[in-house]
């Protein structure tokens, strides 16, 4: 999430480094280098960056559908014990 540009699809150029300092309690410094377009990492493969962006969008959509289905099942299952209690009481 970019502070001014908002959500940005990007590729990490190298693994992130996390550091802690003993004199700064509750502070973690994260250093990472990324390329918003992925051109540096995928320069030899034309069109592959768009493919990965499309795949990422598809996986995000699938994750949203699965999350909605899990929420629906969870809400249905939360009603079942109440229904059973009412049925056994009657």
PDB file of N, CA and C in Angstrom:
ATOM      1  N   UNK A   1       0.859  -1.169   0.000  1.00  0.00           N
ATOM      2  CA  UNK A   1       0.000   0.000   0.000  1.00  0.00           C
ATOM      3  C   UNK A   1       0.905   1.232   0.000  1.00  0.00           C
ATOM      4  N   UNK A   2       0.848   1.990  -1.049  1.00  0.00           N
ATOM      5  CA  UNK A   2       1.643   3.203  -1.151  1.00  0.00           C
ATOM      6  C   UNK A   2       0.882   4.332  -0.446  1.00  0.00           C
ATOM      7  N   UNK A   3       1.591   5.170   0.318  1.00  0.00           N
ATOM      8  CA  UNK A   3       0.896   6.218   1.071  1.00  0.00           C
ATOM      9  C   UNK A   3       0.138   7.227   0.205  1.00  0.00           C
ATOM     10  N   UNK A   4       0.604   7.489  -1.005  1.00  0.00           N
ATOM     11  CA  UNK A   4      -0.053   8.477  -1.868  1.00  0.00           C
ATOM     12  C   UNK A   4      -0.757   7.837  -3.051  1.00  0.00           C
ATOM     13  N   UNK A   5      -0.194   6.759  -3.580  1.00  0.00           N
ATOM     14  CA  UNK A   5      -0.753   6.136  -4.778  1.00  0.00           C
ATOM     15  C   UNK A   5      -1.789   5.067  -4.470  1.00  0.00           C
ATOM     16  N   UNK A   6      -1.854   4.607  -3.238  1.00  0.00           N
ATOM     17  CA  UNK A   6      -2.795   3.553  -2.866  1.00  0.00           C
ATOM     18  C   UNK A   6      -2.228   2.176  -3.167  1.00  0.00           C
ATOM     19  N   UNK A   7      -3.084   1.204  -3.474  1.00  0.00           N
ATOM     20  CA  UNK A   7      -2.613  -0.150  -3.755  1.00  0.00           C
ATOM     21  C   UNK A   7      -1.757  -0.192  -5.019  1.00  0.00           C
ATOM     22  N   UNK A   8      -0.621  -0.865  -4.953  1.00  0.00           N
ATOM     23  CA  UNK A   8       0.295  -0.976  -6.083  1.00  0.00           C
ATOM     24  C   UNK A   8       0.717  -2.436  -6.207  1.00  0.00           C
ATOM     25  N   UNK A   9       0.554  -3.016  -7.413  1.00  0.00           N
ATOM     26  CA  UNK A   9       1.076  -4.350  -7.666  1.00  0.00           C
ATOM     27  C   UNK A   9       2.565  -4.214  -7.929  1.00  0.00           C
ATOM     28  N   UNK A  10       3.370  -5.021  -7.246  1.00  0.00           N
ATOM     29  CA  UNK A  10       4.812  -4.911  -7.402  1.00  0.00           C
ATOM     30  C   UNK A  10       5.468  -6.264  -7.187  1.00  0.00           C
ATOM     31  N   UNK A  11       6.754  -6.323  -7.526  1.00  0.00           N
ATOM     32  CA  UNK A  11       7.561  -7.517  -7.373  1.00  0.00           C
ATOM     33  C   UNK A  11       8.754  -7.162  -6.493  1.00  0.00           C
ATOM     34  N   UNK A  12       8.994  -7.958  -5.449  1.00  0.00           N
ATOM     35  CA  UNK A  12      10.177  -7.729  -4.610  1.00  0.00           C
ATOM     36  C   UNK A  12      11.425  -8.110  -5.394  1.00  0.00           C
ATOM     37  N   UNK A  13      12.424  -7.243  -5.377  1.00  0.00           N
ATOM     38  CA  UNK A  13      13.666  -7.521  -6.087  1.00  0.00           C
ATOM     39  C   UNK A  13      14.592  -8.406  -5.259  1.00  0.00           C
ATOM     40  N   UNK A  14      14.472  -8.338  -3.948  1.00  0.00           N
ATOM     41  CA  UNK A  14      15.256  -9.181  -3.040  1.00  0.00           C
ATOM     42  C   UNK A  14      14.443  -9.359  -1.770  1.00  0.00           C
ATOM     43  N   UNK A  15      14.760 -10.359  -0.958  1.00  0.00           N
ATOM     44  CA  UNK A  15      13.993 -10.553   0.283  1.00  0.00           C
ATOM     45  C   UNK A  15      14.099  -9.340   1.208  1.00  0.00           C
ATOM     46  N   UNK A  16      13.042  -9.088   1.946  1.00  0.00           N
ATOM     47  CA  UNK A  16      13.012  -7.962   2.884  1.00  0.00           C
ATOM     48  C   UNK A  16      13.910  -8.254   4.083  1.00  0.00           C
ATOM     49  N   UNK A  17      14.468  -7.203   4.666  1.00  0.00           N
ATOM     50  CA  UNK A  17      15.291  -7.320   5.869  1.00  0.00           C
ATOM     51  C   UNK A  17      14.550  -6.655   7.024  1.00  0.00           C
ATOM     52  N   UNK A  18      14.437  -7.368   8.136  1.00  0.00           N
ATOM     53  CA  UNK A  18      13.777  -6.839   9.325  1.00  0.00           C
ATOM     54  C   UNK A  18      14.828  -6.704  10.413  1.00  0.00           C
ATOM     55  N   UNK A  19      14.904  -5.526  11.035  1.00  0.00           N
ATOM     56  CA  UNK A  19      15.881  -5.311  12.106  1.00  0.00           C
ATOM     57  C   UNK A  19      15.199  -4.701  13.321  1.00  0.00           C
ATOM     58  N   UNK A  20      15.737  -5.036  14.482  1.00  0.00           N
ATOM     59  CA  UNK A  20      15.245  -4.521  15.751  1.00  0.00           C
ATOM     60  C   UNK A  20      16.421  -3.891  16.493  1.00  0.00           C
ATOM     61  N   UNK A  21      16.174  -2.852  17.246  1.00  0.00           N
ATOM     62  CA  UNK A  21      17.208  -2.212  18.058  1.00  0.00           C
ATOM     63  C   UNK A  21      16.799  -2.330  19.530  1.00  0.00           C
ATOM     64  N   UNK A  22      17.742  -2.715  20.385  1.00  0.00           N
ATOM     65  CA  UNK A  22      17.421  -2.905  21.798  1.00  0.00           C
ATOM     66  C   UNK A  22      17.112  -1.581  22.495  1.00  0.00           C
ATOM     67  N   UNK A  23      17.631  -0.462  21.980  1.00  0.00           N
ATOM     68  CA  UNK A  23      17.358   0.830  22.616  1.00  0.00           C
ATOM     69  C   UNK A  23      16.040   1.454  22.126  1.00  0.00           C
ATOM     70  N   UNK A  24      15.415   0.890  21.099  1.00  0.00           N
ATOM     71  CA  UNK A  24      14.131   1.376  20.607  1.00  0.00           C
ATOM     72  C   UNK A  24      13.096   0.262  20.799  1.00  0.00           C
ATOM     73  N   UNK A  25      12.420   0.301  21.932  1.00  0.00           N
ATOM     74  CA  UNK A  25      11.448  -0.741  22.225  1.00  0.00           C
ATOM     75  C   UNK A  25      10.232  -0.608  21.320  1.00  0.00           C
ATOM     76  N   UNK A  26       9.693  -1.720  20.913  1.00  0.00           N
ATOM     77  CA  UNK A  26       8.504  -1.803  20.064  1.00  0.00           C
ATOM     78  C   UNK A  26       8.683  -1.128  18.706  1.00  0.00           C
ATOM     79  N   UNK A  27       9.897  -1.108  18.189  1.00  0.00           N
ATOM     80  CA  UNK A  27      10.158  -0.544  16.868  1.00  0.00           C
ATOM     81  C   UNK A  27      10.831  -1.607  16.015  1.00  0.00           C
ATOM     82  N   UNK A  28      10.291  -1.846  14.852  1.00  0.00           N
ATOM     83  CA  UNK A  28      10.896  -2.761  13.885  1.00  0.00           C
ATOM     84  C   UNK A  28      11.109  -1.981  12.591  1.00  0.00           C
ATOM     85  N   UNK A  29      12.276  -2.141  12.002  1.00  0.00           N
ATOM     86  CA  UNK A  29      12.578  -1.483  10.730  1.00  0.00           C
ATOM     87  C   UNK A  29      12.570  -2.544   9.636  1.00  0.00           C
ATOM     88  N   UNK A  30      11.796  -2.277   8.607  1.00  0.00           N
ATOM     89  CA  UNK A  30      11.687  -3.208   7.486  1.00  0.00           C
ATOM     90  C   UNK A  30      12.238  -2.512   6.251  1.00  0.00           C
ATOM     91  N   UNK A  31      13.227  -3.139   5.634  1.00  0.00           N
ATOM     92  CA  UNK A  31      13.831  -2.574   4.429  1.00  0.00           C
ATOM     93  C   UNK A  31      13.590  -3.533   3.280  1.00  0.00           C
ATOM     94  N   UNK A  32      12.954  -3.026   2.228  1.00  0.00           N
ATOM     95  CA  UNK A  32      12.710  -3.859   1.062  1.00  0.00           C
ATOM     96  C   UNK A  32      12.847  -3.005  -0.200  1.00  0.00           C
ATOM     97  N   UNK A  33      13.187  -3.678  -1.273  1.00  0.00           N
ATOM     98  CA  UNK A  33      13.347  -3.015  -2.564  1.00  0.00           C
ATOM     99  C   UNK A  33      12.429  -3.721  -3.550  1.00  0.00           C
ATOM    100  N   UNK A  34      11.585  -2.960  -4.212  1.00  0.00           N
ATOM    101  CA  UNK A  34      10.641  -3.572  -5.127  1.00  0.00           C
ATOM    102  C   UNK A  34      10.520  -2.769  -6.401  1.00  0.00           C
ATOM    103  N   UNK A  35       9.985  -3.421  -7.422  1.00  0.00           N
ATOM    104  CA  UNK A  35       9.755  -2.804  -8.714  1.00  0.00           C
ATOM    105  C   UNK A  35       8.255  -2.840  -8.987  1.00  0.00           C
ATOM    106  N   UNK A  36       7.615  -1.678  -9.121  1.00  0.00           N
ATOM    107  CA  UNK A  36       6.159  -1.659  -9.312  1.00  0.00           C
ATOM    108  C   UNK A  36       5.687  -2.389 -10.567  1.00  0.00           C
ATOM    109  N   UNK A  37       6.512  -2.478 -11.587  1.00  0.00           N
ATOM    110  CA  UNK A  37       6.082  -3.135 -12.825  1.00  0.00           C
ATOM    111  C   UNK A  37       6.619  -4.546 -12.955  1.00  0.00           C
ATOM    112  N   UNK A  38       7.664  -4.861 -12.225  1.00  0.00           N
ATOM    113  CA  UNK A  38       8.264  -6.176 -12.340  1.00  0.00           C
ATOM    114  C   UNK A  38       9.204  -6.289 -13.515  1.00  0.00           C
ATOM    115  N   UNK A  39       9.540  -5.163 -14.169  1.00  0.00           N
ATOM    116  CA  UNK A  39      10.376  -5.214 -15.364  1.00  0.00           C
ATOM    117  C   UNK A  39      11.795  -5.683 -15.078  1.00  0.00           C
ATOM    118  N   UNK A  40      12.376  -5.303 -13.923  1.00  0.00           N
ATOM    119  CA  UNK A  40      13.753  -5.695 -13.634  1.00  0.00           C
ATOM    120  C   UNK A  40      13.877  -7.203 -13.451  1.00  0.00           C
ATOM    121  N   UNK A  41      12.921  -7.812 -12.808  1.00  0.00           N
ATOM    122  CA  UNK A  41      12.981  -9.245 -12.543  1.00  0.00           C
ATOM    123  C   UNK A  41      12.621 -10.042 -13.786  1.00  0.00           C
ATOM    124  N   UNK A  42      11.649  -9.579 -14.548  1.00  0.00           N
ATOM    125  CA  UNK A  42      11.120 -10.332 -15.677  1.00  0.00           C
ATOM    126  C   UNK A  42      11.499  -9.719 -17.019  1.00  0.00           C
ATOM    127  N   UNK A  43      12.668  -9.083 -17.103  1.00  0.00           N
ATOM    128  CA  UNK A  43      13.032  -8.352 -18.320  1.00  0.00           C
ATOM    129  C   UNK A  43      13.210  -9.267 -19.527  1.00  0.00           C
ATOM    130  N   UNK A  44      13.651 -10.495 -19.340  1.00  0.00           N
ATOM    131  CA  UNK A  44      13.873 -11.402 -20.460  1.00  0.00           C
ATOM    132  C   UNK A  44      12.628 -12.119 -20.916  1.00  0.00           C
ATOM    133  N   UNK A  45      11.520 -11.955 -20.210  1.00  0.00           N
ATOM    134  CA  UNK A  45      10.303 -12.679 -20.551  1.00  0.00           C
ATOM    135  C   UNK A  45       9.185 -11.686 -20.872  1.00  0.00           C
ATOM    136  N   UNK A  46       9.007 -11.327 -22.138  1.00  0.00           N
ATOM    137  CA  UNK A  46       7.991 -10.336 -22.479  1.00  0.00           C
ATOM    138  C   UNK A  46       6.588 -10.846 -22.193  1.00  0.00           C
ATOM    139  N   UNK A  47       5.759  -9.999 -21.610  1.00  0.00           N
ATOM    140  CA  UNK A  47       4.374 -10.340 -21.360  1.00  0.00           C
ATOM    141  C   UNK A  47       4.119 -11.145 -20.102  1.00  0.00           C
ATOM    142  N   UNK A  48       5.170 -11.653 -19.477  1.00  0.00           N
ATOM    143  CA  UNK A  48       4.978 -12.500 -18.300  1.00  0.00           C
ATOM    144  C   UNK A  48       4.519 -11.691 -17.093  1.00  0.00           C
ATOM    145  N   UNK A  49       4.890 -10.410 -17.031  1.00  0.00           N
ATOM    146  CA  UNK A  49       4.442  -9.558 -15.928  1.00  0.00           C
ATOM    147  C   UNK A  49       2.926  -9.391 -15.940  1.00  0.00           C
ATOM    148  N   UNK A  50       2.362  -9.189 -17.125  1.00  0.00           N
ATOM    149  CA  UNK A  50       0.907  -9.088 -17.248  1.00  0.00           C
ATOM    150  C   UNK A  50       0.214 -10.390 -16.901  1.00  0.00           C
ATOM    151  N   UNK A  51       0.854 -11.501 -17.259  1.00  0.00           N
ATOM    152  CA  UNK A  51       0.304 -12.807 -16.922  1.00  0.00           C
ATOM    153  C   UNK A  51       0.246 -12.993 -15.418  1.00  0.00           C
ATOM    154  N   UNK A  52       1.336 -12.619 -14.728  1.00  0.00           N
ATOM    155  CA  UNK A  52       1.363 -12.738 -13.273  1.00  0.00           C
ATOM    156  C   UNK A  52       0.347 -11.793 -12.636  1.00  0.00           C
ATOM    157  N   UNK A  53       0.171 -10.603 -13.175  1.00  0.00           N
ATOM    158  CA  UNK A  53      -0.817  -9.664 -12.642  1.00  0.00           C
ATOM    159  C   UNK A  53      -2.224 -10.221 -12.816  1.00  0.00           C
ATOM    160  N   UNK A  54      -2.503 -10.817 -13.980  1.00  0.00           N
ATOM    161  CA  UNK A  54      -3.813 -11.420 -14.210  1.00  0.00           C
ATOM    162  C   UNK A  54      -4.045 -12.603 -13.288  1.00  0.00           C
ATOM    163  N   UNK A  55      -3.020 -13.420 -13.117  1.00  0.00           N
ATOM    164  CA  UNK A  55      -3.119 -14.574 -12.232  1.00  0.00           C
ATOM    165  C   UNK A  55      -3.342 -14.127 -10.792  1.00  0.00           C
ATOM    166  N   UNK A  56      -2.652 -13.071 -10.392  1.00  0.00           N
ATOM    167  CA  UNK A  56      -2.822 -12.534  -9.046  1.00  0.00           C
ATOM    168  C   UNK A  56      -4.239 -12.025  -8.846  1.00  0.00           C
ATOM    169  N   UNK A  57      -4.783 -11.328  -9.816  1.00  0.00           N
ATOM    170  CA  UNK A  57      -6.161 -10.852  -9.730  1.00  0.00           C
ATOM    171  C   UNK A  57      -7.158 -12.001  -9.663  1.00  0.00           C
ATOM    172  N   UNK A  58      -6.914 -13.040 -10.456  1.00  0.00           N
ATOM    173  CA  UNK A  58      -7.792 -14.202 -10.448  1.00  0.00           C
ATOM    174  C   UNK A  58      -7.763 -14.899  -9.095  1.00  0.00           C
ATOM    175  N   UNK A  59      -6.566 -15.076  -8.541  1.00  0.00           N
ATOM    176  CA  UNK A  59      -6.447 -15.717  -7.229  1.00  0.00           C
ATOM    177  C   UNK A  59      -7.097 -14.868  -6.146  1.00  0.00           C
ATOM    178  N   UNK A  60      -6.993 -13.544  -6.250  1.00  0.00           N
ATOM    179  CA  UNK A  60      -7.659 -12.670  -5.294  1.00  0.00           C
ATOM    180  C   UNK A  60      -9.173 -12.809  -5.372  1.00  0.00           C
ATOM    181  N   UNK A  61      -9.710 -12.902  -6.590  1.00  0.00           N
ATOM    182  CA  UNK A  61     -11.156 -13.080  -6.764  1.00  0.00           C
ATOM    183  C   UNK A  61     -11.608 -14.424  -6.212  1.00  0.00           C
ATOM    184  N   UNK A  62     -10.832 -15.471  -6.472  1.00  0.00           N
ATOM    185  CA  UNK A  62     -11.168 -16.797  -5.937  1.00  0.00           C
ATOM    186  C   UNK A  62     -11.133 -16.776  -4.421  1.00  0.00           C
ATOM    187  N   UNK A  63     -10.143 -16.099  -3.856  1.00  0.00           N
ATOM    188  CA  UNK A  63     -10.059 -15.978  -2.398  1.00  0.00           C
ATOM    189  C   UNK A  63     -11.265 -15.255  -1.827  1.00  0.00           C
ATOM    190  N   UNK A  64     -11.747 -14.231  -2.518  1.00  0.00           N
ATOM    191  CA  UNK A  64     -12.936 -13.515  -2.066  1.00  0.00           C
ATOM    192  C   UNK A  64     -14.178 -14.391  -2.098  1.00  0.00           C
ATOM    193  N   UNK A  65     -14.325 -15.190  -3.152  1.00  0.00           N
ATOM    194  CA  UNK A  65     -15.477 -16.088  -3.248  1.00  0.00           C
ATOM    195  C   UNK A  65     -15.417 -17.150  -2.156  1.00  0.00           C
ATOM    196  N   UNK A  66     -14.228 -17.704  -1.932  1.00  0.00           N
ATOM    197  CA  UNK A  66     -14.079 -18.713  -0.881  1.00  0.00           C
ATOM    198  C   UNK A  66     -14.362 -18.095   0.489  1.00  0.00           C
ATOM    199  N   UNK A  67     -13.885 -16.882   0.716  1.00  0.00           N
ATOM    200  CA  UNK A  67     -14.160 -16.198   1.985  1.00  0.00           C
ATOM    201  C   UNK A  67     -15.651 -15.977   2.202  1.00  0.00           C
ATOM    202  N   UNK A  68     -16.364 -15.602   1.144  1.00  0.00           N
ATOM    203  CA  UNK A  68     -17.808 -15.415   1.251  1.00  0.00           C
ATOM    204  C   UNK A  68     -18.512 -16.731   1.542  1.00  0.00           C
ATOM    205  N   UNK A  69     -18.071 -17.806   0.900  1.00  0.00           N
ATOM    206  CA  UNK A  69     -18.677 -19.120   1.141  1.00  0.00           C
ATOM    207  C   UNK A  69     -18.428 -19.579   2.577  1.00  0.00           C
ATOM    208  N   UNK A  70     -17.226 -19.366   3.074  1.00  0.00           N
ATOM    209  CA  UNK A  70     -16.914 -19.737   4.459  1.00  0.00           C
ATOM    210  C   UNK A  70     -17.764 -18.914   5.430  1.00  0.00           C
ATOM    211  N   UNK A  71     -17.954 -17.645   5.155  1.00  0.00           N
ATOM    212  CA  UNK A  71     -18.802 -16.807   5.998  1.00  0.00           C
ATOM    213  C   UNK A  71     -20.245 -17.292   6.008  1.00  0.00           C
ATOM    214  N   UNK A  72     -20.756 -17.689   4.843  1.00  0.00           N
ATOM    215  CA  UNK A  72     -22.119 -18.200   4.751  1.00  0.00           C
ATOM    216  C   UNK A  72     -22.273 -19.488   5.546  1.00  0.00           C
ATOM    217  N   UNK A  73     -21.341 -20.423   5.363  1.00  0.00           N
ATOM    218  CA  UNK A  73     -21.396 -21.691   6.100  1.00  0.00           C
ATOM    219  C   UNK A  73     -21.275 -21.436   7.597  1.00  0.00           C
ATOM    220  N   UNK A  74     -20.419 -20.539   7.987  1.00  0.00           N
ATOM    221  CA  UNK A  74     -20.250 -20.219   9.400  1.00  0.00           C
ATOM    222  C   UNK A  74     -21.534 -19.657   9.995  1.00  0.00           C
ATOM    223  N   UNK A  75     -22.203 -18.769   9.264  1.00  0.00           N
ATOM    224  CA  UNK A  75     -23.446 -18.196   9.796  1.00  0.00           C
ATOM    225  C   UNK A  75     -24.549 -19.243   9.856  1.00  0.00           C
ATOM    226  N   UNK A  76     -24.611 -20.143   8.880  1.00  0.00           N
ATOM    227  CA  UNK A  76     -25.611 -21.217   8.905  1.00  0.00           C
ATOM    228  C   UNK A  76     -25.345 -22.150  10.079  1.00  0.00           C
ATOM    229  N   UNK A  77     -24.079 -22.521  10.285  1.00  0.00           N
ATOM    230  CA  UNK A  77     -23.744 -23.433  11.373  1.00  0.00           C
ATOM    231  C   UNK A  77     -23.947 -22.792  12.740  1.00  0.00           C
ATOM    232  N   UNK A  78     -23.900 -21.486  12.834  1.00  0.00           N
ATOM    233  CA  UNK A  78     -24.134 -20.843  14.124  1.00  0.00           C
ATOM    234  C   UNK A  78     -25.609 -20.891  14.510  1.00  0.00           C
ATOM    235  N   UNK A  79     -26.514 -21.066  13.538  1.00  0.00           N
ATOM    236  CA  UNK A  79     -27.942 -21.160  13.803  1.00  0.00           C
ATOM    237  C   UNK A  79     -28.340 -22.584  14.198  1.00  0.00           C
ATOM    238  N   UNK A  80     -27.598 -23.586  13.757  1.00  0.00           N
ATOM    239  CA  UNK A  80     -27.946 -24.985  13.996  1.00  0.00           C
ATOM    240  C   UNK A  80     -28.057 -25.313  15.484  1.00  0.00           C
ATOM    241  N   UNK A  81     -27.094 -24.969  16.347  1.00  0.00           N
ATOM    242  CA  UNK A  81     -27.255 -25.307  17.771  1.00  0.00           C
ATOM    243  C   UNK A  81     -28.498 -24.678  18.395  1.00  0.00           C
ATOM    244  N   UNK A  82     -28.841 -23.454  17.984  1.00  0.00           N
ATOM    245  CA  UNK A  82     -30.026 -22.797  18.510  1.00  0.00           C
ATOM    246  C   UNK A  82     -31.283 -23.543  18.062  1.00  0.00           C
ATOM    247  N   UNK A  83     -31.340 -23.938  16.812  1.00  0.00           N
ATOM    248  CA  UNK A  83     -32.493 -24.680  16.291  1.00  0.00           C
ATOM    249  C   UNK A  83     -32.638 -26.019  17.008  1.00  0.00           C
ATOM    250  N   UNK A  84     -31.528 -26.707  17.227  1.00  0.00           N
ATOM    251  CA  UNK A  84     -31.559 -27.978  17.950  1.00  0.00           C
ATOM    252  C   UNK A  84     -32.035 -27.801  19.379  1.00  0.00           C
ATOM    253  N   UNK A  85     -31.611 -26.731  20.031  1.00  0.00           N
ATOM    254  CA  UNK A  85     -32.036 -26.472  21.397  1.00  0.00           C
ATOM    255  C   UNK A  85     -33.536 -26.193  21.452  1.00  0.00           C
ATOM    256  N   UNK A  86     -34.051 -25.429  20.504  1.00  0.00           N
ATOM    257  CA  UNK A  86     -35.479 -25.132  20.470  1.00  0.00           C
ATOM    258  C   UNK A  86     -36.269 -26.410  20.171  1.00  0.00           C
ATOM    259  N   UNK A  87     -35.782 -27.221  19.258  1.00  0.00           N
ATOM    260  CA  UNK A  87     -36.458 -28.463  18.902  1.00  0.00           C
ATOM    261  C   UNK A  87     -36.482 -29.434  20.075  1.00  0.00           C
ATOM    262  N   UNK A  88     -35.360 -29.581  20.781  1.00  0.00           N
ATOM    263  CA  UNK A  88     -35.317 -30.504  21.916  1.00  0.00           C
ATOM    264  C   UNK A  88     -36.128 -29.977  23.103  1.00  0.00           C
ATOM    265  N   UNK A  89     -36.284 -28.670  23.226  1.00  0.00           N
ATOM    266  CA  UNK A  89     -37.075 -28.091  24.305  1.00  0.00           C
ATOM    267  C   UNK A  89     -38.572 -28.366  24.091  1.00  0.00           C
ATOM    268  N   UNK A  90     -38.969 -28.317  22.816  1.00  0.00           N
ATOM    269  CA  UNK A  90     -40.384 -28.518  22.476  1.00  0.00           C
ATOM    270  C   UNK A  90     -40.727 -29.949  22.501  1.00  0.00           C
TER     271      UNK A  90
END
